[in-house]
Amino acid sequence: MKEKDITVVSREAPRRGKTNLEKLRDLTDEEIDASIAGDPDWSDDWNWSDAVLVIPPKKKAISIRVDEDVLDYFKQEAQAISGA
């Protein structure tokens, strides 16, 4: 694995997003309303009364043993699919 592909994230130093928080804090209510009005997906007509909370089933942890050549094959396939 290449060094540039490794990302280290910890609780003490969480990864920073790309959002410009200063610019966001400086927005006025009028600028926010104008931005919302220009969004074609925005609707002020939401009806959540029929909403249903769906909790996905828990995943099962499994462990399998495979031959090294089988594992190498799947790693190569994964790299080919991801374009790495």
N, C-alpha and C. Protein backbone atom coordinates (compact mmCIF):
# COMPACT_ATOMS: atom_id res chain seq x y z
N MET A 1 0.85 -1.18 0.00
CA MET A 1 0.00 0.00 0.00
C MET A 1 0.89 1.24 0.00
N LYS A 2 0.50 2.21 -0.78
CA LYS A 2 1.29 3.43 -0.90
C LYS A 2 1.09 4.31 0.34
N GLU A 3 2.15 5.00 0.71
CA GLU A 3 2.10 5.87 1.90
C GLU A 3 1.02 6.95 1.76
N LYS A 4 0.83 7.49 0.53
CA LYS A 4 -0.15 8.56 0.35
C LYS A 4 -1.59 8.07 0.50
N ASP A 5 -1.80 6.75 0.40
CA ASP A 5 -3.14 6.20 0.53
C ASP A 5 -3.56 5.98 1.98
N ILE A 6 -2.63 6.16 2.90
CA ILE A 6 -2.92 5.90 4.30
C ILE A 6 -3.36 7.19 4.99
N THR A 7 -4.53 7.15 5.62
CA THR A 7 -5.05 8.30 6.35
C THR A 7 -5.20 7.91 7.82
N VAL A 8 -4.62 8.70 8.70
CA VAL A 8 -4.71 8.43 10.13
C VAL A 8 -5.68 9.43 10.74
N VAL A 9 -6.70 8.93 11.42
CA VAL A 9 -7.69 9.77 12.07
C VAL A 9 -7.83 9.28 13.50
N SER A 10 -7.84 10.21 14.44
CA SER A 10 -8.00 9.81 15.83
C SER A 10 -9.06 10.69 16.48
N ARG A 11 -9.51 10.29 17.64
CA ARG A 11 -10.50 11.09 18.37
C ARG A 11 -9.90 12.41 18.82
N GLU A 12 -8.61 12.39 19.13
CA GLU A 12 -7.96 13.61 19.61
C GLU A 12 -7.77 14.62 18.48
N ALA A 13 -7.59 14.16 17.26
CA ALA A 13 -7.38 15.04 16.11
C ALA A 13 -8.29 14.60 14.97
N PRO A 14 -9.59 14.90 15.06
CA PRO A 14 -10.50 14.45 14.02
C PRO A 14 -10.20 15.11 12.67
N ARG A 15 -10.58 14.44 11.60
CA ARG A 15 -10.35 14.97 10.25
C ARG A 15 -11.22 16.20 10.04
N ARG A 16 -10.66 17.19 9.43
CA ARG A 16 -11.39 18.43 9.15
C ARG A 16 -12.12 18.29 7.82
N GLY A 17 -13.36 18.79 7.78
CA GLY A 17 -14.12 18.78 6.54
C GLY A 17 -13.69 19.92 5.63
N LYS A 18 -14.31 20.00 4.48
CA LYS A 18 -13.97 21.04 3.51
C LYS A 18 -14.88 22.25 3.63
N THR A 19 -15.80 22.24 4.59
CA THR A 19 -16.72 23.35 4.76
C THR A 19 -16.00 24.56 5.31
N ASN A 20 -16.25 25.71 4.71
CA ASN A 20 -15.68 26.96 5.18
C ASN A 20 -16.58 27.49 6.30
N LEU A 21 -16.26 27.14 7.53
CA LEU A 21 -17.12 27.48 8.66
C LEU A 21 -17.18 28.98 8.92
N GLU A 22 -16.10 29.68 8.66
CA GLU A 22 -16.11 31.14 8.85
C GLU A 22 -17.12 31.78 7.90
N LYS A 23 -17.08 31.38 6.64
CA LYS A 23 -18.02 31.92 5.65
C LYS A 23 -19.45 31.56 6.04
N LEU A 24 -19.65 30.35 6.53
CA LEU A 24 -20.98 29.91 6.94
C LEU A 24 -21.50 30.73 8.12
N ARG A 25 -20.64 31.00 9.09
CA ARG A 25 -21.04 31.80 10.26
C ARG A 25 -21.39 33.23 9.87
N ASP A 26 -20.75 33.74 8.82
CA ASP A 26 -20.95 35.13 8.41
C ASP A 26 -22.22 35.34 7.58
N LEU A 27 -22.88 34.25 7.16
CA LEU A 27 -24.09 34.39 6.35
C LEU A 27 -25.21 35.04 7.17
N THR A 28 -25.90 35.97 6.52
CA THR A 28 -27.05 36.60 7.18
C THR A 28 -28.28 35.74 6.93
N ASP A 29 -29.35 35.98 7.68
CA ASP A 29 -30.60 35.25 7.47
C ASP A 29 -31.13 35.47 6.06
N GLU A 30 -30.97 36.68 5.55
CA GLU A 30 -31.45 36.99 4.20
C GLU A 30 -30.67 36.18 3.14
N GLU A 31 -29.36 36.05 3.33
CA GLU A 31 -28.55 35.27 2.39
C GLU A 31 -28.93 33.79 2.43
N ILE A 32 -29.21 33.30 3.62
CA ILE A 32 -29.63 31.91 3.76
C ILE A 32 -30.98 31.70 3.09
N ASP A 33 -31.93 32.61 3.32
CA ASP A 33 -33.25 32.50 2.69
C ASP A 33 -33.15 32.57 1.17
N ALA A 34 -32.28 33.44 0.64
CA ALA A 34 -32.09 33.55 -0.80
C ALA A 34 -31.50 32.26 -1.37
N SER A 35 -30.57 31.67 -0.63
CA SER A 35 -29.96 30.42 -1.07
C SER A 35 -31.00 29.30 -1.11
N ILE A 36 -31.84 29.25 -0.11
CA ILE A 36 -32.89 28.22 -0.05
C ILE A 36 -33.88 28.43 -1.19
N ALA A 37 -34.27 29.68 -1.46
CA ALA A 37 -35.24 29.97 -2.50
C ALA A 37 -34.71 29.56 -3.88
N GLY A 38 -33.39 29.60 -4.05
CA GLY A 38 -32.80 29.23 -5.33
C GLY A 38 -32.54 27.75 -5.49
N ASP A 39 -32.83 26.96 -4.48
CA ASP A 39 -32.59 25.52 -4.52
C ASP A 39 -33.82 24.81 -5.09
N PRO A 40 -33.69 24.16 -6.27
CA PRO A 40 -34.87 23.52 -6.87
C PRO A 40 -35.41 22.34 -6.06
N ASP A 41 -34.60 21.78 -5.17
CA ASP A 41 -35.05 20.64 -4.37
C ASP A 41 -35.74 21.06 -3.08
N TRP A 42 -35.68 22.34 -2.74
CA TRP A 42 -36.24 22.79 -1.48
C TRP A 42 -37.76 22.86 -1.55
N SER A 43 -38.40 22.44 -0.49
CA SER A 43 -39.84 22.56 -0.35
C SER A 43 -40.14 22.92 1.09
N ASP A 44 -41.01 23.88 1.27
CA ASP A 44 -41.41 24.27 2.62
C ASP A 44 -42.66 23.49 3.03
N ASP A 45 -42.99 22.49 2.25
CA ASP A 45 -44.23 21.76 2.42
C ASP A 45 -43.95 20.31 2.84
N TRP A 46 -43.10 20.12 3.84
CA TRP A 46 -42.76 18.77 4.30
C TRP A 46 -43.83 18.23 5.22
N ASN A 47 -44.19 16.97 5.04
CA ASN A 47 -45.17 16.33 5.91
C ASN A 47 -44.52 15.06 6.46
N TRP A 48 -44.11 15.10 7.70
CA TRP A 48 -43.42 13.98 8.32
C TRP A 48 -44.36 13.10 9.15
N SER A 49 -45.66 13.35 9.08
CA SER A 49 -46.59 12.61 9.94
C SER A 49 -46.65 11.12 9.60
N ASP A 50 -46.35 10.76 8.36
CA ASP A 50 -46.38 9.34 7.98
C ASP A 50 -44.99 8.71 7.97
N ALA A 51 -43.98 9.43 8.43
CA ALA A 51 -42.61 8.92 8.41
C ALA A 51 -42.49 7.73 9.38
N VAL A 52 -41.68 6.77 8.97
CA VAL A 52 -41.46 5.58 9.78
C VAL A 52 -39.96 5.41 9.98
N LEU A 53 -39.55 5.24 11.22
CA LEU A 53 -38.15 5.00 11.52
C LEU A 53 -37.81 3.56 11.19
N VAL A 54 -36.81 3.37 10.35
CA VAL A 54 -36.38 2.03 9.96
C VAL A 54 -34.97 1.82 10.47
N ILE A 55 -34.81 0.86 11.36
CA ILE A 55 -33.50 0.53 11.91
C ILE A 55 -33.02 -0.73 11.23
N PRO A 56 -31.89 -0.64 10.50
CA PRO A 56 -31.40 -1.83 9.79
C PRO A 56 -30.97 -2.92 10.76
N PRO A 57 -31.06 -4.17 10.32
CA PRO A 57 -30.64 -5.26 11.20
C PRO A 57 -29.13 -5.19 11.46
N LYS A 58 -28.73 -5.71 12.61
CA LYS A 58 -27.31 -5.71 12.96
C LYS A 58 -26.56 -6.65 12.04
N LYS A 59 -25.31 -6.31 11.77
CA LYS A 59 -24.45 -7.15 10.95
C LYS A 59 -23.84 -8.24 11.82
N LYS A 60 -23.57 -9.36 11.21
CA LYS A 60 -22.92 -10.46 11.91
C LYS A 60 -21.44 -10.45 11.56
N ALA A 61 -20.59 -10.55 12.55
CA ALA A 61 -19.16 -10.66 12.34
C ALA A 61 -18.82 -12.12 12.09
N ILE A 62 -18.07 -12.37 11.02
CA ILE A 62 -17.66 -13.73 10.72
C ILE A 62 -16.15 -13.77 10.49
N SER A 63 -15.60 -14.93 10.54
CA SER A 63 -14.18 -15.12 10.26
C SER A 63 -14.05 -16.35 9.37
N ILE A 64 -13.29 -16.19 8.28
CA ILE A 64 -13.06 -17.33 7.39
C ILE A 64 -11.58 -17.46 7.11
N ARG A 65 -11.20 -18.65 6.74
CA ARG A 65 -9.81 -18.91 6.38
C ARG A 65 -9.79 -19.28 4.90
N VAL A 66 -8.95 -18.58 4.13
CA VAL A 66 -8.84 -18.86 2.70
C VAL A 66 -7.37 -19.00 2.34
N ASP A 67 -7.12 -19.70 1.25
CA ASP A 67 -5.76 -19.82 0.76
C ASP A 67 -5.26 -18.44 0.33
N GLU A 68 -3.96 -18.26 0.42
CA GLU A 68 -3.35 -16.98 0.09
C GLU A 68 -3.62 -16.56 -1.35
N ASP A 69 -3.60 -17.52 -2.29
CA ASP A 69 -3.85 -17.17 -3.68
C ASP A 69 -5.28 -16.69 -3.91
N VAL A 70 -6.23 -17.22 -3.15
CA VAL A 70 -7.62 -16.78 -3.25
C VAL A 70 -7.74 -15.35 -2.73
N LEU A 71 -7.11 -15.06 -1.61
CA LEU A 71 -7.13 -13.72 -1.06
C LEU A 71 -6.47 -12.73 -2.02
N ASP A 72 -5.34 -13.11 -2.61
CA ASP A 72 -4.66 -12.24 -3.57
C ASP A 72 -5.57 -11.94 -4.76
N TYR A 73 -6.29 -12.95 -5.23
CA TYR A 73 -7.20 -12.76 -6.35
C TYR A 73 -8.25 -11.69 -6.01
N PHE A 74 -8.88 -11.79 -4.86
CA PHE A 74 -9.91 -10.82 -4.49
C PHE A 74 -9.34 -9.43 -4.26
N LYS A 75 -8.13 -9.34 -3.73
CA LYS A 75 -7.48 -8.04 -3.58
C LYS A 75 -7.24 -7.39 -4.94
N GLN A 76 -6.79 -8.18 -5.92
CA GLN A 76 -6.55 -7.67 -7.25
C GLN A 76 -7.86 -7.22 -7.90
N GLU A 77 -8.91 -7.99 -7.72
CA GLU A 77 -10.21 -7.62 -8.27
C GLU A 77 -10.70 -6.32 -7.66
N ALA A 78 -10.53 -6.16 -6.35
CA ALA A 78 -10.96 -4.94 -5.67
C ALA A 78 -10.19 -3.73 -6.19
N GLN A 79 -8.88 -3.90 -6.41
CA GLN A 79 -8.07 -2.80 -6.94
C GLN A 79 -8.49 -2.45 -8.36
N ALA A 80 -8.81 -3.46 -9.16
CA ALA A 80 -9.23 -3.21 -10.54
C ALA A 80 -10.56 -2.46 -10.57
N ILE A 81 -11.46 -2.80 -9.67
CA ILE A 81 -12.77 -2.14 -9.62
C ILE A 81 -12.63 -0.71 -9.14
N SER A 82 -11.79 -0.49 -8.11
CA SER A 82 -11.64 0.85 -7.55
C SER A 82 -10.74 1.73 -8.40
N GLY A 83 -10.02 1.14 -9.34
CA GLY A 83 -9.13 1.92 -10.20
C GLY A 83 -7.82 2.28 -9.55
N ALA A 84 -7.48 1.59 -8.48
CA ALA A 84 -6.22 1.90 -7.78
C ALA A 84 -5.05 1.26 -8.46
